[in-house]
Amino acid sequence: MLVETVRLATIVMKLTPQMYPFLKPTELESEIVLRNGLAALEAEDAMEIIQYSISKHQKDAFLH
């Protein structure tokens, strides 16, 4: 199984570049581990990852 770690910015720029301006720098710098590599991702997968990342960063903001 191919496992690849990429920054969220890489995923966004490859699959959903229109979302780039809406994400914070800390979100874009998040490291994402992809089970089957970047080549296996589709736009719907990217949107799920983006939504999770936003949610996680918002949750972390409340904890600090």
C-alpha atoms as a PDB file:
ATOM      1  CA  MET A   1       0.000   0.000   0.000  1.00  0.00           C
ATOM      2  CA  LEU A   2       1.315   3.433  -0.980  1.00  0.00           C
ATOM      3  CA  VAL A   3       1.276   5.996   1.842  1.00  0.00           C
ATOM      4  CA  GLU A   4       2.128   9.587   1.026  1.00  0.00           C
ATOM      5  CA  THR A   5       2.290  12.658   3.265  1.00  0.00           C
ATOM      6  CA  VAL A   6       1.493  15.986   1.614  1.00  0.00           C
ATOM      7  CA  ARG A   7       0.562  19.483   2.707  1.00  0.00           C
ATOM      8  CA  LEU A   8      -3.101  20.424   2.401  1.00  0.00           C
ATOM      9  CA  ALA A   9      -2.012  23.244   0.066  1.00  0.00           C
ATOM     10  CA  THR A  10      -0.773  20.632  -2.426  1.00  0.00           C
ATOM     11  CA  ILE A  11      -4.114  18.830  -2.404  1.00  0.00           C
ATOM     12  CA  VAL A  12      -6.043  22.078  -2.769  1.00  0.00           C
ATOM     13  CA  MET A  13      -3.925  23.387  -5.638  1.00  0.00           C
ATOM     14  CA  LYS A  14      -4.153  20.096  -7.527  1.00  0.00           C
ATOM     15  CA  LEU A  15      -7.856  19.323  -7.114  1.00  0.00           C
ATOM     16  CA  THR A  16      -9.773  22.361  -5.842  1.00  0.00           C
ATOM     17  CA  PRO A  17      -7.717  25.513  -6.522  1.00  0.00           C
ATOM     18  CA  GLN A  18     -10.816  27.683  -6.193  1.00  0.00           C
ATOM     19  CA  MET A  19     -10.803  26.883  -2.438  1.00  0.00           C
ATOM     20  CA  TYR A  20      -7.261  28.170  -1.847  1.00  0.00           C
ATOM     21  CA  PRO A  21      -8.215  31.786  -0.956  1.00  0.00           C
ATOM     22  CA  PHE A  22     -10.705  30.584   1.666  1.00  0.00           C
ATOM     23  CA  LEU A  23      -8.197  28.618   3.737  1.00  0.00           C
ATOM     24  CA  LYS A  24      -5.953  29.996   6.456  1.00  0.00           C
ATOM     25  CA  PRO A  25      -2.178  29.569   6.204  1.00  0.00           C
ATOM     26  CA  THR A  26      -2.199  27.200   9.199  1.00  0.00           C
ATOM     27  CA  GLU A  27      -4.778  25.019   7.470  1.00  0.00           C
ATOM     28  CA  LEU A  28      -2.830  25.011   4.206  1.00  0.00           C
ATOM     29  CA  GLU A  29       0.328  23.927   6.045  1.00  0.00           C
ATOM     30  CA  SER A  30      -1.405  20.915   7.626  1.00  0.00           C
ATOM     31  CA  GLU A  31       0.213  17.605   6.804  1.00  0.00           C
ATOM     32  CA  ILE A  32      -2.200  15.051   5.406  1.00  0.00           C
ATOM     33  CA  VAL A  33      -1.386  11.344   5.180  1.00  0.00           C
ATOM     34  CA  LEU A  34      -2.911   9.761   2.097  1.00  0.00           C
ATOM     35  CA  ARG A  35      -3.376   6.023   2.134  1.00  0.00           C
ATOM     36  CA  ASN A  36      -3.182   5.571  -1.653  1.00  0.00           C
ATOM     37  CA  GLY A  37      -1.189   8.653  -2.568  1.00  0.00           C
ATOM     38  CA  LEU A  38      -2.088  11.954  -4.176  1.00  0.00           C
ATOM     39  CA  ALA A  39      -2.725  10.404  -7.583  1.00  0.00           C
ATOM     40  CA  ALA A  40      -5.680   8.414  -6.209  1.00  0.00           C
ATOM     41  CA  LEU A  41      -7.525  11.468  -4.850  1.00  0.00           C
ATOM     42  CA  GLU A  42     -10.574  12.964  -6.508  1.00  0.00           C
ATOM     43  CA  ALA A  43     -12.179  16.377  -6.020  1.00  0.00           C
ATOM     44  CA  GLU A  44     -14.809  14.960  -3.637  1.00  0.00           C
ATOM     45  CA  ASP A  45     -12.044  13.467  -1.486  1.00  0.00           C
ATOM     46  CA  ALA A  46     -10.263  16.816  -1.421  1.00  0.00           C
ATOM     47  CA  MET A  47     -13.424  18.576  -0.246  1.00  0.00           C
ATOM     48  CA  GLU A  48     -13.813  16.068   2.610  1.00  0.00           C
ATOM     49  CA  ILE A  49     -10.205  16.601   3.661  1.00  0.00           C
ATOM     50  CA  ILE A  50     -10.645  20.400   3.500  1.00  0.00           C
ATOM     51  CA  GLN A  51     -13.815  20.249   5.603  1.00  0.00           C
ATOM     52  CA  TYR A  52     -12.116  18.061   8.199  1.00  0.00           C
ATOM     53  CA  SER A  53      -9.086  20.340   8.334  1.00  0.00           C
ATOM     54  CA  ILE A  54     -11.224  23.460   8.847  1.00  0.00           C
ATOM     55  CA  SER A  55     -13.198  21.695  11.560  1.00  0.00           C
ATOM     56  CA  LYS A  56     -10.053  20.498  13.317  1.00  0.00           C
ATOM     57  CA  HIS A  57      -8.427  23.928  13.264  1.00  0.00           C
ATOM     58  CA  GLN A  58     -11.590  25.591  14.587  1.00  0.00           C
ATOM     59  CA  LYS A  59     -11.764  23.062  17.404  1.00  0.00           C
ATOM     60  CA  ASP A  60      -8.088  23.637  18.228  1.00  0.00           C
ATOM     61  CA  ALA A  61      -8.687  27.406  18.319  1.00  0.00           C
ATOM     62  CA  PHE A  62     -11.192  26.973  21.152  1.00  0.00           C
ATOM     63  CA  LEU A  63      -8.782  24.847  23.172  1.00  0.00           C
ATOM     64  CA  HIS A  64      -5.980  27.437  23.298  1.00  0.00           C
END
